[in-house]
């Protein structure tokens, strides 16, 4: 096996989970790359992806959500040493950030599912601040 791209280390003890590929699913389902067999973990909970030398996490519509460094988020870049909370199960992400790699901690605007109302997302209302002028 080649060198892992990072490790997920359970906070409070336990075996480190090697991050062996650049996209990994996490969930209760046995088909997930990282299977976490806890009742409060969704079948397909979240996805970790390694892009441009930085790990990113994205919630896959889970019931109990994810947090990065204590802040609930739908998607986020993960700095080395970031704490990832998957439905109250805490992990520390260990990896080396390549020299010259910029870290953008905010999700892309289209990924910010908490930033718009359901009506706005469905295209049924105008975004706030749009008073109809074109």
C-alpha atoms as a PDB file:
ATOM      1  CA  UNK A   1       0.000   0.000   0.000  1.00  0.00           C
ATOM      2  CA  UNK A   2       1.276   3.479  -0.832  1.00  0.00           C
ATOM      3  CA  UNK A   3       1.694   6.204   1.788  1.00  0.00           C
ATOM      4  CA  UNK A   4      -1.747   7.516   2.925  1.00  0.00           C
ATOM      5  CA  UNK A   5      -2.739  11.099   2.084  1.00  0.00           C
ATOM      6  CA  UNK A   6      -3.551  11.682   5.742  1.00  0.00           C
ATOM      7  CA  UNK A   7      -5.034  10.153   8.872  1.00  0.00           C
ATOM      8  CA  UNK A   8      -8.305  10.532  10.755  1.00  0.00           C
ATOM      9  CA  UNK A   9      -7.394  10.088  14.415  1.00  0.00           C
ATOM     10  CA  UNK A  10     -10.257   9.525  16.890  1.00  0.00           C
ATOM     11  CA  UNK A  11     -10.171  12.162  19.641  1.00  0.00           C
ATOM     12  CA  UNK A  12      -9.977  10.369  22.978  1.00  0.00           C
ATOM     13  CA  UNK A  13      -8.243   7.279  21.623  1.00  0.00           C
ATOM     14  CA  UNK A  14      -8.621   4.551  19.055  1.00  0.00           C
ATOM     15  CA  UNK A  15      -6.964   3.406  15.863  1.00  0.00           C
ATOM     16  CA  UNK A  16      -6.090   6.020  13.253  1.00  0.00           C
ATOM     17  CA  UNK A  17      -7.915   5.635   9.949  1.00  0.00           C
ATOM     18  CA  UNK A  18      -5.622   6.021   6.927  1.00  0.00           C
ATOM     19  CA  UNK A  19      -6.946   8.225   4.121  1.00  0.00           C
ATOM     20  CA  UNK A  20      -5.780   6.056   1.246  1.00  0.00           C
ATOM     21  CA  UNK A  21      -7.510   7.648  -1.760  1.00  0.00           C
ATOM     22  CA  UNK A  22      -8.360  11.184  -2.841  1.00  0.00           C
ATOM     23  CA  UNK A  23     -12.124  10.701  -2.401  1.00  0.00           C
ATOM     24  CA  UNK A  24     -13.550   8.750   0.516  1.00  0.00           C
ATOM     25  CA  UNK A  25     -17.121   8.299   1.694  1.00  0.00           C
ATOM     26  CA  UNK A  26     -17.936   8.044   5.396  1.00  0.00           C
ATOM     27  CA  UNK A  27     -21.096   6.469   6.745  1.00  0.00           C
ATOM     28  CA  UNK A  28     -22.776   3.546   8.443  1.00  0.00           C
ATOM     29  CA  UNK A  29     -23.272   1.635   5.177  1.00  0.00           C
ATOM     30  CA  UNK A  30     -20.715  -1.152   4.679  1.00  0.00           C
ATOM     31  CA  UNK A  31     -20.097   0.053   1.101  1.00  0.00           C
ATOM     32  CA  UNK A  32     -18.611   3.338   2.428  1.00  0.00           C
ATOM     33  CA  UNK A  33     -14.834   3.713   2.302  1.00  0.00           C
ATOM     34  CA  UNK A  34     -14.856   4.455   6.047  1.00  0.00           C
ATOM     35  CA  UNK A  35     -17.629   2.562   7.821  1.00  0.00           C
ATOM     36  CA  UNK A  36     -18.596   4.059  11.201  1.00  0.00           C
ATOM     37  CA  UNK A  37     -21.105   1.677  12.757  1.00  0.00           C
ATOM     38  CA  UNK A  38     -22.892   4.063  15.136  1.00  0.00           C
ATOM     39  CA  UNK A  39     -26.670   4.666  15.247  1.00  0.00           C
ATOM     40  CA  UNK A  40     -26.339   8.450  14.889  1.00  0.00           C
ATOM     41  CA  UNK A  41     -24.212   8.164  11.712  1.00  0.00           C
ATOM     42  CA  UNK A  42     -26.225   8.262   8.466  1.00  0.00           C
ATOM     43  CA  UNK A  43     -25.885   5.467   5.907  1.00  0.00           C
ATOM     44  CA  UNK A  44     -23.948   7.901   3.689  1.00  0.00           C
ATOM     45  CA  UNK A  45     -22.939  10.711   6.037  1.00  0.00           C
ATOM     46  CA  UNK A  46     -20.194  12.759   4.382  1.00  0.00           C
ATOM     47  CA  UNK A  47     -17.413  12.717   1.828  1.00  0.00           C
ATOM     48  CA  UNK A  48     -13.763  13.624   2.185  1.00  0.00           C
ATOM     49  CA  UNK A  49     -11.931  14.737  -0.949  1.00  0.00           C
ATOM     50  CA  UNK A  50      -8.299  15.694  -1.466  1.00  0.00           C
ATOM     51  CA  UNK A  51      -8.072  18.480  -4.072  1.00  0.00           C
ATOM     52  CA  UNK A  52      -5.081  20.669  -4.884  1.00  0.00           C
ATOM     53  CA  UNK A  53      -3.222  19.450  -1.799  1.00  0.00           C
ATOM     54  CA  UNK A  54      -6.057  20.213   0.661  1.00  0.00           C
ATOM     55  CA  UNK A  55      -8.645  17.942   2.282  1.00  0.00           C
ATOM     56  CA  UNK A  56     -12.301  19.038   2.005  1.00  0.00           C
ATOM     57  CA  UNK A  57     -15.399  17.640   3.701  1.00  0.00           C
ATOM     58  CA  UNK A  58     -18.966  17.741   2.370  1.00  0.00           C
ATOM     59  CA  UNK A  59     -22.115  16.639   4.179  1.00  0.00           C
ATOM     60  CA  UNK A  60     -24.104  14.210   2.037  1.00  0.00           C
ATOM     61  CA  UNK A  61     -27.513  15.123   3.465  1.00  0.00           C
ATOM     62  CA  UNK A  62     -26.944  13.427   6.802  1.00  0.00           C
ATOM     63  CA  UNK A  63     -29.447  13.629   9.637  1.00  0.00           C
ATOM     64  CA  UNK A  64     -26.987  14.752  12.333  1.00  0.00           C
ATOM     65  CA  UNK A  65     -24.577  16.842  10.243  1.00  0.00           C
ATOM     66  CA  UNK A  66     -20.885  17.612  10.465  1.00  0.00           C
ATOM     67  CA  UNK A  67     -18.843  20.230  12.293  1.00  0.00           C
ATOM     68  CA  UNK A  68     -15.361  21.529  11.637  1.00  0.00           C
ATOM     69  CA  UNK A  69     -13.596  22.915  14.706  1.00  0.00           C
ATOM     70  CA  UNK A  70     -16.953  23.086  16.497  1.00  0.00           C
ATOM     71  CA  UNK A  71     -18.824  24.943  13.726  1.00  0.00           C
ATOM     72  CA  UNK A  72     -21.622  23.203  11.829  1.00  0.00           C
ATOM     73  CA  UNK A  73     -21.086  23.381   8.063  1.00  0.00           C
ATOM     74  CA  UNK A  74     -22.351  21.783   4.848  1.00  0.00           C
ATOM     75  CA  UNK A  75     -18.851  21.840   3.295  1.00  0.00           C
ATOM     76  CA  UNK A  76     -15.448  23.158   4.275  1.00  0.00           C
ATOM     77  CA  UNK A  77     -11.749  23.003   3.529  1.00  0.00           C
ATOM     78  CA  UNK A  78      -9.831  21.251   6.293  1.00  0.00           C
ATOM     79  CA  UNK A  79      -6.539  22.602   7.606  1.00  0.00           C
ATOM     80  CA  UNK A  80      -4.016  20.120   8.994  1.00  0.00           C
ATOM     81  CA  UNK A  81      -5.012  19.407  12.595  1.00  0.00           C
ATOM     82  CA  UNK A  82      -8.672  20.378  12.047  1.00  0.00           C
ATOM     83  CA  UNK A  83     -11.191  18.639  14.269  1.00  0.00           C
ATOM     84  CA  UNK A  84     -13.977  16.947  12.316  1.00  0.00           C
ATOM     85  CA  UNK A  85     -17.136  16.124  14.250  1.00  0.00           C
ATOM     86  CA  UNK A  86     -19.242  13.505  12.461  1.00  0.00           C
ATOM     87  CA  UNK A  87     -22.532  13.268  14.383  1.00  0.00           C
ATOM     88  CA  UNK A  88     -20.712  13.908  17.687  1.00  0.00           C
ATOM     89  CA  UNK A  89     -17.879  11.463  16.908  1.00  0.00           C
ATOM     90  CA  UNK A  90     -14.717  13.590  16.902  1.00  0.00           C
ATOM     91  CA  UNK A  91     -11.659  13.035  14.715  1.00  0.00           C
ATOM     92  CA  UNK A  92      -8.490  15.024  14.187  1.00  0.00           C
ATOM     93  CA  UNK A  93      -7.277  15.268  10.585  1.00  0.00           C
ATOM     94  CA  UNK A  94      -3.537  14.781  10.286  1.00  0.00           C
ATOM     95  CA  UNK A  95      -1.781  15.586   7.026  1.00  0.00           C
ATOM     96  CA  UNK A  96       0.967  17.828   5.684  1.00  0.00           C
ATOM     97  CA  UNK A  97      -0.050  20.906   3.718  1.00  0.00           C
ATOM     98  CA  UNK A  98       2.223  21.229   0.689  1.00  0.00           C
ATOM     99  CA  UNK A  99       4.344  24.365   0.494  1.00  0.00           C
ATOM    100  CA  UNK A 100       2.647  27.152  -1.448  1.00  0.00           C
ATOM    101  CA  UNK A 101      -0.859  25.679  -1.107  1.00  0.00           C
ATOM    102  CA  UNK A 102      -3.524  28.246  -0.160  1.00  0.00           C
ATOM    103  CA  UNK A 103      -6.230  27.154   2.243  1.00  0.00           C
ATOM    104  CA  UNK A 104      -9.731  28.535   1.649  1.00  0.00           C
ATOM    105  CA  UNK A 105     -11.746  27.703   4.779  1.00  0.00           C
ATOM    106  CA  UNK A 106     -15.123  28.810   3.414  1.00  0.00           C
ATOM    107  CA  UNK A 107     -17.343  26.612   1.259  1.00  0.00           C
ATOM    108  CA  UNK A 108     -18.136  27.673  -2.288  1.00  0.00           C
ATOM    109  CA  UNK A 109     -21.266  29.834  -2.394  1.00  0.00           C
ATOM    110  CA  UNK A 110     -23.249  27.189  -4.271  1.00  0.00           C
ATOM    111  CA  UNK A 111     -22.404  24.701  -1.511  1.00  0.00           C
ATOM    112  CA  UNK A 112     -23.600  26.994   1.301  1.00  0.00           C
ATOM    113  CA  UNK A 113     -26.963  25.306   1.865  1.00  0.00           C
ATOM    114  CA  UNK A 114     -27.609  27.319   5.040  1.00  0.00           C
ATOM    115  CA  UNK A 115     -27.209  30.656   3.227  1.00  0.00           C
ATOM    116  CA  UNK A 116     -30.493  30.570   1.261  1.00  0.00           C
ATOM    117  CA  UNK A 117     -34.085  29.761   2.081  1.00  0.00           C
ATOM    118  CA  UNK A 118     -35.671  26.693   0.504  1.00  0.00           C
ATOM    119  CA  UNK A 119     -37.896  29.022  -1.539  1.00  0.00           C
ATOM    120  CA  UNK A 120     -34.815  30.808  -2.939  1.00  0.00           C
ATOM    121  CA  UNK A 121     -33.097  27.516  -3.763  1.00  0.00           C
ATOM    122  CA  UNK A 122     -36.195  26.372  -5.639  1.00  0.00           C
ATOM    123  CA  UNK A 123     -36.218  29.647  -7.591  1.00  0.00           C
ATOM    124  CA  UNK A 124     -39.606  30.663  -6.202  1.00  0.00           C
ATOM    125  CA  UNK A 125     -38.490  33.957  -4.613  1.00  0.00           C
ATOM    126  CA  UNK A 126     -36.044  36.705  -5.461  1.00  0.00           C
ATOM    127  CA  UNK A 127     -32.800  36.769  -3.501  1.00  0.00           C
ATOM    128  CA  UNK A 128     -32.711  39.334  -0.682  1.00  0.00           C
ATOM    129  CA  UNK A 129     -31.670  42.754  -1.900  1.00  0.00           C
ATOM    130  CA  UNK A 130     -33.029  42.150  -5.416  1.00  0.00           C
ATOM    131  CA  UNK A 131     -35.769  44.740  -5.797  1.00  0.00           C
ATOM    132  CA  UNK A 132     -36.470  43.873  -9.406  1.00  0.00           C
ATOM    133  CA  UNK A 133     -34.071  46.337 -11.074  1.00  0.00           C
ATOM    134  CA  UNK A 134     -32.127  45.012 -14.020  1.00  0.00           C
END
